[in-house]
Protein backbone atom coordinates (compact mmCIF):
# COMPACT_ATOMS: atom_id res chain seq x y z
CA UNK A 1 -6.74 2.11 25.94
CA UNK A 2 -5.05 1.04 23.04
CA UNK A 3 -1.98 2.92 21.63
CA UNK A 4 -3.00 2.77 17.92
CA UNK A 5 -0.55 3.27 14.96
CA UNK A 6 -1.81 6.18 12.70
CA UNK A 7 -1.70 4.90 9.24
CA UNK A 8 -2.14 7.42 5.99
CA UNK A 9 -2.71 5.24 2.83
CA UNK A 10 -1.68 6.82 -1.07
CA UNK A 11 -2.24 5.08 -4.03
CA UNK A 12 -3.58 6.57 -7.17
CA UNK A 13 -6.51 3.94 -7.50
CA UNK A 14 -9.02 4.85 -4.75
CA UNK A 15 -11.01 1.22 -5.01
CA UNK A 16 -7.42 0.02 -3.49
CA UNK A 17 -7.42 2.55 -0.68
CA UNK A 18 -10.95 1.62 0.21
CA UNK A 19 -10.12 -2.17 0.15
CA UNK A 20 -6.62 -1.63 2.19
CA UNK A 21 -8.75 0.72 4.78
CA UNK A 22 -11.60 -2.16 5.21
CA UNK A 23 -9.01 -4.52 6.01
CA UNK A 24 -7.24 -2.28 8.23
CA UNK A 25 -10.12 -1.67 10.15
CA UNK A 26 -10.50 -5.10 11.32
CA UNK A 27 -7.43 -4.89 13.40
CA UNK A 28 -8.43 -2.26 16.60
CA UNK A 29 -4.66 -1.34 16.80
CA UNK A 30 -4.93 0.37 13.31
CA UNK A 31 -6.05 3.71 12.65
CA UNK A 32 -6.69 5.13 9.10
CA UNK A 33 -6.31 8.97 9.87
CA UNK A 34 -5.81 10.01 5.84
CA UNK A 35 -5.85 8.67 2.22
CA UNK A 36 -4.07 10.68 -0.71
CA UNK A 37 -4.79 9.66 -4.44
CA UNK A 38 -1.42 11.86 -5.61
CA UNK A 39 1.81 13.09 -4.24
CA UNK A 40 1.57 16.53 -4.50
CA UNK A 41 0.73 17.66 -0.92
CA UNK A 42 1.42 14.02 0.82
CA UNK A 43 4.25 15.48 3.09
CA UNK A 44 1.89 17.95 4.37
CA UNK A 45 -1.29 15.93 4.86
CA UNK A 46 0.81 12.82 6.54
CA UNK A 47 3.01 15.37 9.00
CA UNK A 48 -0.07 17.20 10.26
CA UNK A 49 -1.70 14.12 11.15
CA UNK A 50 1.30 12.77 13.00
CA UNK A 51 1.28 9.66 11.15
CA UNK A 52 3.55 6.40 12.14
CA UNK A 53 3.10 4.46 8.91
CA UNK A 54 2.76 5.82 5.28
CA UNK A 55 1.68 2.80 2.91
CA UNK A 56 2.66 4.43 -0.39
CA UNK A 57 1.93 3.73 -3.80
CA UNK A 58 5.57 4.18 -6.25
CA UNK A 59 3.39 5.29 -9.12
CA UNK A 60 1.69 8.37 -7.79
CA UNK A 61 0.80 11.14 -9.93
CA UNK A 62 1.95 14.46 -9.33
CA UNK A 63 4.95 13.31 -7.26
CA UNK A 64 6.15 9.87 -7.35
CA UNK A 65 6.67 7.43 -4.31
CA UNK A 66 10.70 7.86 -4.64
CA UNK A 67 10.29 11.85 -4.71
CA UNK A 68 7.79 11.12 -1.72
CA UNK A 69 10.33 9.55 0.17
CA UNK A 70 13.26 11.68 -0.68
CA UNK A 71 11.04 14.56 0.57
CA UNK A 72 10.41 12.90 3.87
CA UNK A 73 13.99 12.29 4.61
CA UNK A 74 15.07 15.73 3.68
CA UNK A 75 12.62 17.46 6.04
CA UNK A 76 13.70 14.47 8.69
CA UNK A 77 10.02 13.65 9.20
CA UNK A 78 10.17 10.25 11.24
CA UNK A 79 7.55 8.14 9.18
CA UNK A 80 8.02 4.62 8.44
CA UNK A 81 7.22 3.74 4.74
CA UNK A 82 5.81 0.56 3.56
CA UNK A 83 5.30 0.69 -0.42
CA UNK A 84 2.86 -0.92 -2.48
CA UNK A 85 4.12 -1.23 -5.80
CA UNK A 86 2.60 -3.14 -9.24
CA UNK A 87 6.55 -3.88 -9.81
CA UNK A 88 9.24 -5.81 -8.35
CA UNK A 89 12.03 -4.05 -10.14
CA UNK A 90 15.20 -4.91 -7.82
CA UNK A 91 16.74 -1.51 -8.75
CA UNK A 92 13.34 0.21 -7.14
CA UNK A 93 13.22 -1.66 -4.40
CA UNK A 94 16.74 -1.46 -3.46
CA UNK A 95 16.61 2.25 -3.80
CA UNK A 96 13.68 2.51 -1.87
CA UNK A 97 15.41 0.41 1.22
CA UNK A 98 18.41 2.44 0.91
CA UNK A 99 16.21 5.70 1.32
CA UNK A 100 15.16 4.44 4.66
CA UNK A 101 11.49 2.76 3.47
CA UNK A 102 10.76 -0.25 6.21
CA UNK A 103 8.74 -2.47 4.07
CA UNK A 104 8.33 -3.62 0.10
CA UNK A 105 4.64 -5.23 -1.22
CA UNK A 106 3.62 -6.04 -4.66
CA UNK A 107 -0.37 -5.23 -5.22
CA UNK A 108 -1.02 -8.71 -5.64
CA UNK A 109 0.01 -9.87 -2.42
CA UNK A 110 -0.65 -6.68 -0.30
CA UNK A 111 -4.30 -8.24 0.95
CA UNK A 112 -2.52 -11.19 2.65
CA UNK A 113 0.83 -9.38 4.06
CA UNK A 114 -0.48 -5.75 4.71
CA UNK A 115 -0.88 -6.38 8.47
CA UNK A 116 1.98 -8.73 8.75
CA UNK A 117 3.64 -6.15 7.46
CA UNK A 118 2.75 -3.28 9.53
CA UNK A 119 3.39 -5.31 12.86
CA UNK A 120 7.18 -6.07 11.71
CA UNK A 121 7.61 -2.34 11.14
CA UNK A 122 6.12 -1.35 14.34
CA UNK A 123 8.65 -3.92 16.07
CA UNK A 124 11.44 -1.92 13.87
CA UNK A 125 11.71 -4.65 11.14
CA UNK A 126 11.92 -4.89 7.50
CA UNK A 127 9.21 -6.62 5.54
CA UNK A 128 9.15 -8.10 2.15
CA UNK A 129 6.17 -10.09 0.61
CA UNK A 130 6.61 -13.70 -0.71
CA UNK A 131 7.25 -12.07 -4.49
CA UNK A 132 9.64 -9.94 -3.63
CA UNK A 133 11.62 -12.24 -1.58
CA UNK A 134 11.64 -14.50 -4.61
CA UNK A 135 12.66 -11.83 -7.15
CA UNK A 136 15.80 -11.04 -4.56
CA UNK A 137 16.44 -14.74 -4.01
CA UNK A 138 16.47 -15.69 -7.95
CA UNK A 139 18.58 -12.30 -8.61
CA UNK A 140 21.21 -13.33 -6.08
CA UNK A 141 21.53 -17.11 -6.92
CA UNK A 142 21.28 -16.81 -10.76
CA UNK A 143 24.04 -18.20 -11.83
CA UNK A 144 25.57 -19.49 -8.70
CA UNK A 145 23.39 -23.07 -8.64
CA UNK A 146 24.12 -24.36 -11.88
CA UNK A 147 24.63 -28.01 -10.40
CA UNK A 148 22.89 -30.12 -7.83
CA UNK A 149 25.84 -30.12 -5.99
CA UNK A 150 28.67 -27.96 -5.81
CA UNK A 151 32.65 -28.40 -4.73
CA UNK A 152 33.95 -25.24 -2.75
CA UNK A 153 36.31 -24.71 -0.45
CA UNK A 154 37.90 -27.16 1.65
CA UNK A 155 36.76 -29.56 -0.96
CA UNK A 156 33.48 -29.42 1.00
CA UNK A 157 30.36 -30.50 -1.03
CA UNK A 158 26.97 -28.76 -0.32
CA UNK A 159 23.85 -29.70 -2.08
CA UNK A 160 21.82 -26.96 -3.92
CA UNK A 161 19.44 -26.86 -1.14
CA UNK A 162 22.27 -26.34 1.48
CA UNK A 163 23.37 -23.48 -0.84
CA UNK A 164 20.39 -21.89 -0.92
CA UNK A 165 20.13 -21.99 2.84
CA UNK A 166 23.34 -20.56 3.33
CA UNK A 167 22.74 -17.59 0.85
CA UNK A 168 19.25 -16.75 2.32
CA UNK A 169 21.31 -16.80 5.75
CA UNK A 170 23.62 -14.71 4.60
CA UNK A 171 20.88 -12.15 3.59
CA UNK A 172 19.71 -12.25 7.23
CA UNK A 173 16.53 -14.18 6.27
CA UNK A 174 15.05 -15.87 9.83
CA UNK A 175 14.40 -19.72 9.55
CA UNK A 176 10.56 -19.04 9.32
CA UNK A 177 11.46 -16.73 6.12
CA UNK A 178 13.65 -19.49 4.65
CA UNK A 179 11.10 -21.89 5.34
CA UNK A 180 8.67 -19.86 3.51
CA UNK A 181 10.83 -18.89 0.74
CA UNK A 182 11.87 -22.52 0.08
CA UNK A 183 8.22 -24.14 0.92
CA UNK A 184 10.02 -26.52 3.77
CA UNK A 185 9.36 -26.43 7.15
CA UNK A 186 11.23 -24.78 10.25
CA UNK A 187 12.37 -28.16 11.20
CA UNK A 188 14.00 -28.93 7.74
CA UNK A 189 15.35 -25.77 7.56
CA UNK A 190 16.80 -26.10 10.70
CA UNK A 191 18.18 -29.76 9.89
CA UNK A 192 20.02 -28.29 7.00
CA UNK A 193 21.50 -25.48 9.07
CA UNK A 194 22.52 -27.92 11.40
CA UNK A 195 24.20 -30.47 8.50
CA UNK A 196 25.76 -27.38 6.70
CA UNK A 197 27.67 -26.02 10.20
CA UNK A 198 28.83 -29.78 10.66
CA UNK A 199 30.12 -29.75 7.00
CA UNK A 200 31.45 -26.77 7.30
CA UNK A 201 32.84 -26.79 11.24
CA UNK A 202 31.02 -23.69 11.56
CA UNK A 203 30.25 -22.34 14.97
CA UNK A 204 27.68 -20.05 13.91
CA UNK A 205 25.66 -18.07 11.51
CA UNK A 206 28.09 -15.49 11.20
CA UNK A 207 30.95 -18.23 9.98
CA UNK A 208 28.47 -19.39 7.38
CA UNK A 209 28.24 -15.74 6.11
CA UNK A 210 31.81 -15.75 5.90
CA UNK A 211 31.98 -18.46 4.43
CA UNK A 212 29.47 -17.41 1.33
CA UNK A 213 31.41 -14.30 0.83
CA UNK A 214 34.57 -16.06 0.45
CA UNK A 215 33.15 -18.39 -2.06
CA UNK A 216 31.25 -15.64 -3.76
CA UNK A 217 27.83 -17.01 -3.05
CA UNK A 218 26.82 -13.58 -2.04
CA UNK A 219 28.41 -10.14 -2.48
CA UNK A 220 30.34 -8.55 0.85
């Protein structure tokens, strides 16, 4: 017998709930055990059904998504939360993840990412859709990549692509996530990584992270 992941959907648009529910029903390991169109009684509805994953809209009437997550944290209910939002505001994303959120998807990419997000969260991983990855990457690298090449510590010259990859490695992106983010193959990512490590005489990824921090490519 399949041990199903128990899922609750919460969004103020019933049509979106219905669409996601239909999509999740294509996977035999998922079971949608409840839905909500406002946040007022959401904690009681989720906790009484022993929900594993709550898929939650930020802009819920009565009690918004942030308030809902805070209530779950305060009451200590061990439910993982995947946020669906029309917004990719980094302040909101950061607050959600700091509160213990497990994944953040924009609504326009939810259809193609929701199943992967649930599977990742079940493995104990965090998950961001491509739109959110792009927002994070653009914000982090803004102002750092003004030149095609940049001379950094010890007179090492790195290309713009190499700088991008160092930053993404420092942000704990996997090789696949980097390839998806930069629209290059995983083999190309690995080739760049090896070239970077050779240029920097780095032994491992930890050395690359230290290098990125030392040269202010990312914040510690």
